[in-house]
């Protein structure tokens, strides 16, 4: 999903003319990307920085636990910092499809 976000000029990251640089994968990208997923260095509701690298030693590290993301990304949808202390008492109405 993250790779489908285009660069600011509307080109796919696979396009040689896009200016995409794998060394800085979030630079010059569609601004909606940072609102859709937690990116490395983003501050989580717990107040700590998101560090998904396998060698980071954090709970977010890929492969560290069965709960950690296997891709190194986590979605931001339905995450509200105010609910961190008591997530079961959230005011969010989650859409359920059946």
Protein backbone atom coordinates (compact mmCIF):
# COMPACT_ATOMS: atom_id res chain seq x y z
CA UNK A 1 0.00 0.00 0.00
CA UNK A 2 2.77 2.46 0.91
CA UNK A 3 4.43 2.01 -2.48
CA UNK A 4 1.24 3.11 -4.26
CA UNK A 5 1.51 6.64 -2.88
CA UNK A 6 2.87 8.77 -5.69
CA UNK A 7 5.48 11.49 -5.55
CA UNK A 8 4.40 15.13 -5.26
CA UNK A 9 4.48 15.50 -9.05
CA UNK A 10 2.01 12.61 -9.43
CA UNK A 11 4.45 10.00 -10.67
CA UNK A 12 4.77 6.46 -9.37
CA UNK A 13 7.90 5.71 -7.37
CA UNK A 14 8.79 3.11 -10.03
CA UNK A 15 9.00 5.85 -12.67
CA UNK A 16 12.66 6.82 -13.22
CA UNK A 17 11.60 10.46 -13.72
CA UNK A 18 9.80 10.63 -10.36
CA UNK A 19 12.90 11.54 -8.35
CA UNK A 20 12.14 8.82 -5.81
CA UNK A 21 15.14 7.93 -3.67
CA UNK A 22 15.00 4.65 -1.69
CA UNK A 23 17.46 6.12 0.82
CA UNK A 24 14.83 8.74 1.74
CA UNK A 25 11.59 6.92 0.90
CA UNK A 26 9.18 9.43 2.46
CA UNK A 27 10.63 12.60 0.97
CA UNK A 28 8.76 14.20 -1.94
CA UNK A 29 5.76 11.86 -1.49
CA UNK A 30 2.03 12.50 -1.57
CA UNK A 31 1.23 14.29 1.70
CA UNK A 32 -1.61 11.85 2.42
CA UNK A 33 0.98 9.15 3.15
CA UNK A 34 1.95 10.62 6.51
CA UNK A 35 -1.72 10.84 7.51
CA UNK A 36 -2.43 7.22 6.53
CA UNK A 37 0.38 5.22 8.15
CA UNK A 38 2.89 5.63 10.95
CA UNK A 39 6.27 6.32 9.38
CA UNK A 40 9.63 5.82 11.02
CA UNK A 41 10.14 8.54 13.63
CA UNK A 42 6.45 9.41 14.02
CA UNK A 43 5.37 9.86 17.63
CA UNK A 44 2.98 7.14 18.76
CA UNK A 45 0.06 7.77 21.17
CA UNK A 46 2.30 6.41 23.94
CA UNK A 47 4.68 9.33 23.35
CA UNK A 48 7.57 7.25 21.99
CA UNK A 49 8.94 7.33 18.46
CA UNK A 50 7.92 4.62 16.01
CA UNK A 51 11.03 2.58 15.16
CA UNK A 52 10.16 -0.52 13.12
CA UNK A 53 13.69 -1.58 12.06
CA UNK A 54 14.35 -5.19 13.13
CA UNK A 55 17.45 -4.08 15.08
CA UNK A 56 15.80 -1.15 16.91
CA UNK A 57 15.17 -3.10 20.11
CA UNK A 58 11.69 -1.58 20.44
CA UNK A 59 8.30 -3.30 20.63
CA UNK A 60 7.68 -1.96 17.10
CA UNK A 61 10.63 -3.83 15.61
CA UNK A 62 9.65 -6.12 12.75
CA UNK A 63 9.67 -9.67 14.06
CA UNK A 64 10.05 -8.67 17.72
CA UNK A 65 6.65 -10.01 18.81
CA UNK A 66 3.60 -11.58 17.22
CA UNK A 67 1.83 -8.21 17.55
CA UNK A 68 4.46 -6.13 15.73
CA UNK A 69 3.86 -5.27 12.10
CA UNK A 70 5.49 -7.61 9.61
CA UNK A 71 5.92 -4.77 7.10
CA UNK A 72 7.24 -2.03 9.36
CA UNK A 73 4.12 0.10 8.84
CA UNK A 74 0.97 0.58 10.94
CA UNK A 75 -2.19 2.37 9.90
CA UNK A 76 -3.27 5.57 11.62
CA UNK A 77 -6.99 5.15 10.96
CA UNK A 78 -9.02 5.05 14.19
CA UNK A 79 -6.00 6.05 16.30
CA UNK A 80 -6.70 8.99 18.61
CA UNK A 81 -4.07 10.03 21.13
CA UNK A 82 -6.74 10.97 23.69
CA UNK A 83 -7.87 7.33 23.80
CA UNK A 84 -4.45 5.94 24.72
CA UNK A 85 -5.15 5.83 28.46
CA UNK A 86 -8.43 3.94 28.02
CA UNK A 87 -8.75 2.54 24.46
CA UNK A 88 -11.88 0.49 25.22
CA UNK A 89 -13.78 3.71 25.97
CA UNK A 90 -13.16 5.35 22.60
CA UNK A 91 -15.67 7.73 21.08
CA UNK A 92 -14.92 6.53 17.55
CA UNK A 93 -17.71 4.90 15.59
CA UNK A 94 -15.96 2.14 13.67
CA UNK A 95 -17.52 1.14 10.35
CA UNK A 96 -18.22 -2.58 10.17
CA UNK A 97 -18.92 -4.29 6.87
CA UNK A 98 -20.46 -7.70 6.54
